[in-house]
Amino acid sequence: MESFQVLFSKQVQKDIALRIPKQKEKFQQVAQQILAVNPYAGKALKGELKGLYFYRLNLTDRIVYEILEADKVVFVIGARTHYGD
């Protein structure tokens, strides 16, 4: 299976920069070892967010992303807490 390129929105880059080192490492690990290899490992969102996927980092944090299959790109648009913290 061909791997995907993982790209991050500017907001996601800012959000990640504010995390503690352990959380940054976990985010990078998931992005490169899971989403780049199999972006469908996450769950599809429904309703207004249909077409997007999320992957759970821990109890409260999620990565929200879009899969651009034709370009082999995973575009990460969210990396914040699920609970508005």
Protein backbone atom coordinates (compact mmCIF):
# COMPACT_ATOMS: atom_id res chain seq x y z
CA MET A 1 0.00 0.00 0.00
CA GLU A 2 1.36 3.42 -0.97
CA SER A 3 1.80 5.76 1.98
CA PHE A 4 0.11 9.12 2.28
CA GLN A 5 1.73 12.49 2.89
CA VAL A 6 0.50 14.07 6.13
CA LEU A 7 0.06 17.86 6.05
CA PHE A 8 -1.01 20.15 8.89
CA SER A 9 -3.04 23.36 8.84
CA LYS A 10 -1.39 26.43 10.37
CA GLN A 11 -3.75 26.25 13.33
CA VAL A 12 -2.80 22.63 13.99
CA GLN A 13 0.88 23.57 13.91
CA LYS A 14 0.19 26.25 16.55
CA ASP A 15 -1.88 23.86 18.66
CA ILE A 16 0.85 21.21 18.62
CA ALA A 17 3.53 23.75 19.55
CA LEU A 18 1.64 24.43 22.81
CA ARG A 19 1.63 20.78 23.88
CA ILE A 20 4.03 19.17 26.32
CA PRO A 21 6.82 17.10 24.70
CA LYS A 22 5.14 13.74 25.41
CA GLN A 23 1.93 14.87 23.65
CA LYS A 24 3.90 16.26 20.69
CA GLU A 25 5.71 12.95 20.35
CA LYS A 26 2.44 10.97 20.46
CA PHE A 27 0.90 13.25 17.81
CA GLN A 28 3.89 12.85 15.48
CA GLN A 29 3.93 9.10 16.02
CA VAL A 30 0.25 8.74 15.11
CA ALA A 31 0.59 11.05 12.10
CA GLN A 32 3.60 9.26 10.61
CA GLN A 33 3.10 5.65 11.66
CA ILE A 34 -0.67 5.32 11.48
CA LEU A 35 -2.32 8.03 9.37
CA ALA A 36 0.40 8.05 6.70
CA VAL A 37 0.12 4.28 6.35
CA ASN A 38 -3.64 3.81 6.76
CA PRO A 39 -5.67 7.01 7.07
CA TYR A 40 -8.86 4.96 7.28
CA ALA A 41 -7.71 3.70 10.71
CA GLY A 42 -9.66 6.64 12.16
CA LYS A 43 -13.42 6.87 12.36
CA ALA A 44 -15.61 8.74 9.88
CA LEU A 45 -17.48 11.73 11.26
CA LYS A 46 -21.17 12.25 10.61
CA GLY A 47 -23.58 15.12 10.12
CA GLU A 48 -22.06 18.50 9.30
CA LEU A 49 -18.58 17.00 9.48
CA LYS A 50 -19.30 14.17 7.05
CA GLY A 51 -16.25 13.55 4.85
CA LEU A 52 -13.84 14.10 7.73
CA TYR A 53 -12.26 11.52 10.01
CA PHE A 54 -10.93 11.53 13.55
CA TYR A 55 -8.32 9.54 15.38
CA ARG A 56 -8.28 9.41 19.18
CA LEU A 57 -4.92 10.32 20.75
CA ASN A 58 -6.02 9.82 24.35
CA LEU A 59 -9.12 10.20 26.50
CA THR A 60 -9.74 13.83 25.54
CA ASP A 61 -7.63 14.67 22.46
CA ARG A 62 -8.52 13.93 18.84
CA ILE A 63 -6.91 14.49 15.46
CA VAL A 64 -9.46 15.60 12.86
CA TYR A 65 -8.44 15.20 9.24
CA GLU A 66 -9.51 14.97 5.64
CA ILE A 67 -8.33 12.27 3.25
CA LEU A 68 -7.49 13.46 -0.26
CA GLU A 69 -7.28 10.03 -1.87
CA ALA A 70 -6.40 11.20 -5.40
CA ASP A 71 -3.41 13.18 -4.09
CA LYS A 72 -2.44 10.62 -1.43
CA VAL A 73 -2.64 13.35 1.22
CA VAL A 74 -3.99 13.38 4.77
CA PHE A 75 -4.74 17.00 5.71
CA VAL A 76 -4.96 17.47 9.47
CA ILE A 77 -7.36 20.30 10.33
CA GLY A 78 -7.76 19.80 14.08
CA ALA A 79 -5.63 18.60 16.97
CA ARG A 80 -7.35 19.86 20.09
CA THR A 81 -9.33 18.45 22.91
CA HIS A 82 -12.71 17.00 22.08
CA TYR A 83 -14.21 18.77 25.09
CA GLY A 84 -13.40 22.41 24.29
CA ASP A 85 -10.65 22.74 26.89
